[in-house]
N, C-alpha and C. Protein backbone atom coordinates (compact mmCIF):
# COMPACT_ATOMS: atom_id res chain seq x y z
N MET A 1 5.52 -34.66 0.94
CA MET A 1 5.62 -34.48 -0.49
C MET A 1 4.29 -33.98 -1.06
N ILE A 2 3.20 -34.52 -0.56
CA ILE A 2 1.88 -34.12 -1.05
C ILE A 2 1.62 -32.64 -0.74
N ILE A 3 1.98 -32.21 0.46
CA ILE A 3 1.79 -30.80 0.83
C ILE A 3 2.61 -29.89 -0.08
N LEU A 4 3.83 -30.28 -0.39
CA LEU A 4 4.67 -29.48 -1.28
C LEU A 4 4.06 -29.39 -2.68
N LEU A 5 3.54 -30.49 -3.19
CA LEU A 5 2.94 -30.49 -4.52
C LEU A 5 1.66 -29.66 -4.56
N VAL A 6 0.85 -29.75 -3.51
CA VAL A 6 -0.35 -28.91 -3.43
C VAL A 6 0.04 -27.44 -3.37
N SER A 7 1.04 -27.14 -2.57
CA SER A 7 1.53 -25.76 -2.47
C SER A 7 2.03 -25.26 -3.82
N LEU A 8 2.69 -26.11 -4.56
CA LEU A 8 3.22 -25.73 -5.88
C LEU A 8 2.10 -25.38 -6.85
N VAL A 9 0.95 -26.01 -6.69
CA VAL A 9 -0.20 -25.76 -7.56
C VAL A 9 -1.04 -24.57 -7.07
N VAL A 10 -1.28 -24.50 -5.77
CA VAL A 10 -2.21 -23.53 -5.21
C VAL A 10 -1.58 -22.14 -5.01
N ASN A 11 -0.37 -22.08 -4.52
CA ASN A 11 0.23 -20.79 -4.14
C ASN A 11 0.37 -19.77 -5.27
N PRO A 12 0.69 -20.15 -6.50
CA PRO A 12 0.77 -19.12 -7.53
C PRO A 12 -0.56 -18.39 -7.77
N SER A 13 -1.64 -19.14 -7.91
CA SER A 13 -2.93 -18.49 -8.15
C SER A 13 -3.40 -17.73 -6.92
N LEU A 14 -3.16 -18.27 -5.74
CA LEU A 14 -3.54 -17.59 -4.51
C LEU A 14 -2.75 -16.29 -4.35
N GLY A 15 -1.46 -16.34 -4.62
CA GLY A 15 -0.63 -15.14 -4.51
C GLY A 15 -1.05 -14.05 -5.47
N TRP A 16 -1.30 -14.42 -6.72
CA TRP A 16 -1.73 -13.42 -7.71
C TRP A 16 -3.11 -12.86 -7.38
N ALA A 17 -4.00 -13.70 -6.86
CA ALA A 17 -5.32 -13.21 -6.48
C ALA A 17 -5.23 -12.22 -5.32
N LYS A 18 -4.39 -12.53 -4.33
CA LYS A 18 -4.19 -11.62 -3.20
C LYS A 18 -3.58 -10.30 -3.68
N LEU A 19 -2.60 -10.39 -4.56
CA LEU A 19 -1.94 -9.18 -5.06
C LEU A 19 -2.91 -8.32 -5.85
N SER A 20 -3.69 -8.93 -6.72
CA SER A 20 -4.67 -8.20 -7.52
C SER A 20 -5.73 -7.54 -6.64
N THR A 21 -6.24 -8.31 -5.68
CA THR A 21 -7.25 -7.76 -4.77
C THR A 21 -6.66 -6.65 -3.91
N GLY A 22 -5.43 -6.84 -3.46
CA GLY A 22 -4.77 -5.82 -2.66
C GLY A 22 -4.57 -4.52 -3.42
N LYS A 23 -4.24 -4.63 -4.71
CA LYS A 23 -4.09 -3.43 -5.53
C LYS A 23 -5.44 -2.75 -5.74
N ASN A 24 -6.47 -3.54 -6.02
CA ASN A 24 -7.81 -2.97 -6.24
C ASN A 24 -8.35 -2.28 -5.00
N LEU A 25 -8.07 -2.86 -3.83
CA LEU A 25 -8.56 -2.28 -2.58
C LEU A 25 -7.58 -1.28 -1.98
N LYS A 26 -6.43 -1.12 -2.64
CA LYS A 26 -5.35 -0.28 -2.11
C LYS A 26 -4.98 -0.70 -0.68
N SER A 27 -4.84 -2.00 -0.50
CA SER A 27 -4.55 -2.58 0.81
C SER A 27 -3.09 -3.03 0.88
N ALA A 28 -2.29 -2.27 1.61
CA ALA A 28 -0.88 -2.64 1.78
C ALA A 28 -0.75 -3.97 2.51
N GLU A 29 -1.66 -4.23 3.44
CA GLU A 29 -1.62 -5.47 4.20
C GLU A 29 -1.84 -6.69 3.31
N LEU A 30 -2.81 -6.59 2.41
CA LEU A 30 -3.10 -7.72 1.53
C LEU A 30 -1.97 -7.92 0.52
N LYS A 31 -1.37 -6.84 0.05
CA LYS A 31 -0.22 -6.96 -0.85
C LYS A 31 0.97 -7.58 -0.13
N ALA A 32 1.16 -7.24 1.14
CA ALA A 32 2.23 -7.86 1.93
C ALA A 32 1.94 -9.34 2.14
N ASP A 33 0.68 -9.68 2.35
CA ASP A 33 0.30 -11.08 2.49
C ASP A 33 0.55 -11.84 1.19
N ALA A 34 0.32 -11.18 0.06
CA ALA A 34 0.62 -11.81 -1.24
C ALA A 34 2.11 -12.08 -1.37
N ALA A 35 2.93 -11.13 -0.91
CA ALA A 35 4.38 -11.33 -0.94
C ALA A 35 4.77 -12.53 -0.08
N ASP A 36 4.11 -12.70 1.06
CA ASP A 36 4.37 -13.84 1.93
C ASP A 36 3.98 -15.15 1.23
N THR A 37 2.90 -15.12 0.49
CA THR A 37 2.48 -16.30 -0.26
C THR A 37 3.51 -16.66 -1.32
N PHE A 38 4.09 -15.64 -1.97
CA PHE A 38 5.13 -15.90 -2.97
C PHE A 38 6.41 -16.43 -2.31
N ILE A 39 6.69 -15.98 -1.09
CA ILE A 39 7.83 -16.55 -0.36
C ILE A 39 7.59 -18.03 -0.09
N CYS A 40 6.37 -18.38 0.27
CA CYS A 40 6.02 -19.79 0.48
C CYS A 40 6.19 -20.61 -0.80
N LEU A 41 5.79 -20.02 -1.92
CA LEU A 41 5.97 -20.69 -3.21
C LEU A 41 7.46 -20.89 -3.50
N TYR A 42 8.24 -19.86 -3.26
CA TYR A 42 9.69 -19.94 -3.48
C TYR A 42 10.29 -21.03 -2.58
N GLN A 43 9.84 -21.09 -1.33
CA GLN A 43 10.33 -22.13 -0.42
C GLN A 43 9.97 -23.52 -0.94
N THR A 44 8.77 -23.65 -1.46
CA THR A 44 8.35 -24.94 -1.99
C THR A 44 9.25 -25.38 -3.14
N ILE A 45 9.53 -24.44 -4.05
CA ILE A 45 10.40 -24.75 -5.19
C ILE A 45 11.79 -25.13 -4.72
N VAL A 46 12.31 -24.39 -3.76
CA VAL A 46 13.66 -24.67 -3.26
C VAL A 46 13.71 -26.02 -2.55
N VAL A 47 12.70 -26.29 -1.73
CA VAL A 47 12.68 -27.57 -1.00
C VAL A 47 12.54 -28.74 -1.97
N LEU A 48 11.62 -28.62 -2.93
CA LEU A 48 11.45 -29.72 -3.90
C LEU A 48 12.68 -29.90 -4.77
N GLY A 49 13.14 -28.81 -5.37
CA GLY A 49 14.26 -28.91 -6.31
C GLY A 49 15.58 -29.12 -5.62
N GLY A 50 15.90 -28.21 -4.73
CA GLY A 50 17.21 -28.27 -4.08
C GLY A 50 17.29 -29.31 -3.00
N GLY A 51 16.29 -29.31 -2.16
CA GLY A 51 16.35 -30.20 -1.02
C GLY A 51 16.11 -31.66 -1.35
N LEU A 52 14.97 -31.93 -1.94
CA LEU A 52 14.60 -33.34 -2.12
C LEU A 52 15.19 -33.98 -3.36
N LEU A 53 15.05 -33.33 -4.49
CA LEU A 53 15.47 -33.96 -5.74
C LEU A 53 16.99 -34.12 -5.85
N LEU A 54 17.72 -33.06 -5.51
CA LEU A 54 19.18 -33.15 -5.61
C LEU A 54 19.77 -34.12 -4.60
N VAL A 55 19.21 -34.14 -3.40
CA VAL A 55 19.71 -35.07 -2.38
C VAL A 55 19.33 -36.51 -2.74
N ARG A 56 18.10 -36.69 -3.14
CA ARG A 56 17.60 -38.04 -3.40
C ARG A 56 18.23 -38.68 -4.64
N TYR A 57 18.25 -37.93 -5.76
CA TYR A 57 18.65 -38.54 -7.02
C TYR A 57 20.11 -38.31 -7.41
N LEU A 58 20.72 -37.26 -6.90
CA LEU A 58 22.12 -37.01 -7.23
C LEU A 58 23.04 -37.19 -6.02
N ASP A 59 22.45 -37.54 -4.89
CA ASP A 59 23.19 -37.78 -3.65
C ASP A 59 24.09 -36.60 -3.26
N LEU A 60 23.57 -35.39 -3.48
CA LEU A 60 24.30 -34.19 -3.07
C LEU A 60 23.83 -33.79 -1.68
N TRP A 61 24.47 -34.32 -0.66
CA TRP A 61 24.04 -34.12 0.72
C TRP A 61 24.03 -32.66 1.13
N TRP A 62 24.85 -31.85 0.49
CA TRP A 62 24.98 -30.44 0.85
C TRP A 62 23.94 -29.55 0.16
N ALA A 63 23.15 -30.09 -0.73
CA ALA A 63 22.18 -29.29 -1.50
C ALA A 63 21.07 -28.73 -0.62
N ASP A 64 20.64 -29.48 0.38
CA ASP A 64 19.53 -29.03 1.23
C ASP A 64 19.90 -27.78 2.03
N PRO A 65 21.04 -27.74 2.75
CA PRO A 65 21.37 -26.50 3.47
C PRO A 65 21.63 -25.32 2.54
N ILE A 66 22.21 -25.57 1.38
CA ILE A 66 22.45 -24.48 0.41
C ILE A 66 21.11 -23.96 -0.09
N ALA A 67 20.19 -24.86 -0.35
CA ALA A 67 18.85 -24.46 -0.81
C ALA A 67 18.17 -23.59 0.25
N ALA A 68 18.30 -23.97 1.51
CA ALA A 68 17.69 -23.18 2.58
C ALA A 68 18.30 -21.78 2.64
N LEU A 69 19.59 -21.67 2.42
CA LEU A 69 20.24 -20.35 2.43
C LEU A 69 19.79 -19.48 1.27
N LEU A 70 19.35 -20.09 0.18
CA LEU A 70 18.87 -19.32 -0.97
C LEU A 70 17.55 -18.60 -0.67
N ILE A 71 16.83 -19.08 0.32
CA ILE A 71 15.56 -18.46 0.68
C ILE A 71 15.77 -17.16 1.46
N VAL A 72 16.84 -17.09 2.23
CA VAL A 72 17.07 -15.97 3.15
C VAL A 72 17.07 -14.60 2.47
N PRO A 73 17.83 -14.37 1.39
CA PRO A 73 17.84 -13.02 0.81
C PRO A 73 16.46 -12.55 0.33
N TYR A 74 15.71 -13.42 -0.28
CA TYR A 74 14.38 -13.05 -0.77
C TYR A 74 13.43 -12.75 0.39
N ALA A 75 13.47 -13.56 1.42
CA ALA A 75 12.61 -13.33 2.58
C ALA A 75 12.99 -12.02 3.28
N LEU A 76 14.28 -11.75 3.41
CA LEU A 76 14.72 -10.49 4.01
C LEU A 76 14.27 -9.28 3.18
N TYR A 77 14.40 -9.39 1.88
CA TYR A 77 13.99 -8.30 0.99
C TYR A 77 12.50 -8.01 1.13
N GLU A 78 11.67 -9.04 1.09
CA GLU A 78 10.23 -8.84 1.20
C GLU A 78 9.85 -8.33 2.59
N GLY A 79 10.52 -8.82 3.62
CA GLY A 79 10.26 -8.34 4.97
C GLY A 79 10.63 -6.88 5.13
N TRP A 80 11.75 -6.47 4.55
CA TRP A 80 12.18 -5.08 4.61
C TRP A 80 11.19 -4.17 3.88
N LYS A 81 10.72 -4.62 2.71
CA LYS A 81 9.72 -3.84 1.97
C LYS A 81 8.44 -3.67 2.79
N SER A 82 7.98 -4.74 3.40
CA SER A 82 6.76 -4.67 4.21
C SER A 82 6.95 -3.77 5.42
N TYR A 83 8.09 -3.85 6.04
CA TYR A 83 8.38 -3.01 7.20
C TYR A 83 8.35 -1.54 6.82
N ASN A 84 8.98 -1.20 5.72
CA ASN A 84 9.00 0.20 5.26
C ASN A 84 7.61 0.70 4.88
N LYS A 85 6.82 -0.15 4.25
CA LYS A 85 5.46 0.25 3.90
C LYS A 85 4.62 0.45 5.16
N GLY A 86 4.85 -0.37 6.18
CA GLY A 86 4.15 -0.19 7.44
C GLY A 86 4.51 1.13 8.11
N LYS A 87 5.77 1.50 8.01
CA LYS A 87 6.20 2.79 8.57
C LYS A 87 5.53 3.94 7.83
N GLU A 88 5.41 3.82 6.50
CA GLU A 88 4.78 4.88 5.70
C GLU A 88 3.32 5.04 6.08
N LEU A 89 2.64 3.93 6.35
CA LEU A 89 1.22 4.00 6.72
C LEU A 89 0.99 4.70 8.05
N LYS A 90 1.95 4.57 8.95
CA LYS A 90 1.80 5.20 10.28
C LYS A 90 2.02 6.71 10.20
N GLU A 91 2.75 7.16 9.21
CA GLU A 91 3.06 8.59 9.10
C GLU A 91 1.95 9.38 8.52
């Protein structure tokens, strides 16, 4: 729980700092790393809200697997964007 709460506080500022620095340096790698940090933030929100709070306080046993499935589309989208940008850099 402590790690999730620290992540909830640290990841937004870390992600925005990486994104800003990546834009200033024109670094596709750093911008992709910022996207990964935002995925971690999204996972933290889903785990805290969907996984822990709904299961613990509302006894919705099915909320945790549904919450995990909510992460997949966003992670796939960001991964696809990073993959395409990597292909562009090689060309």
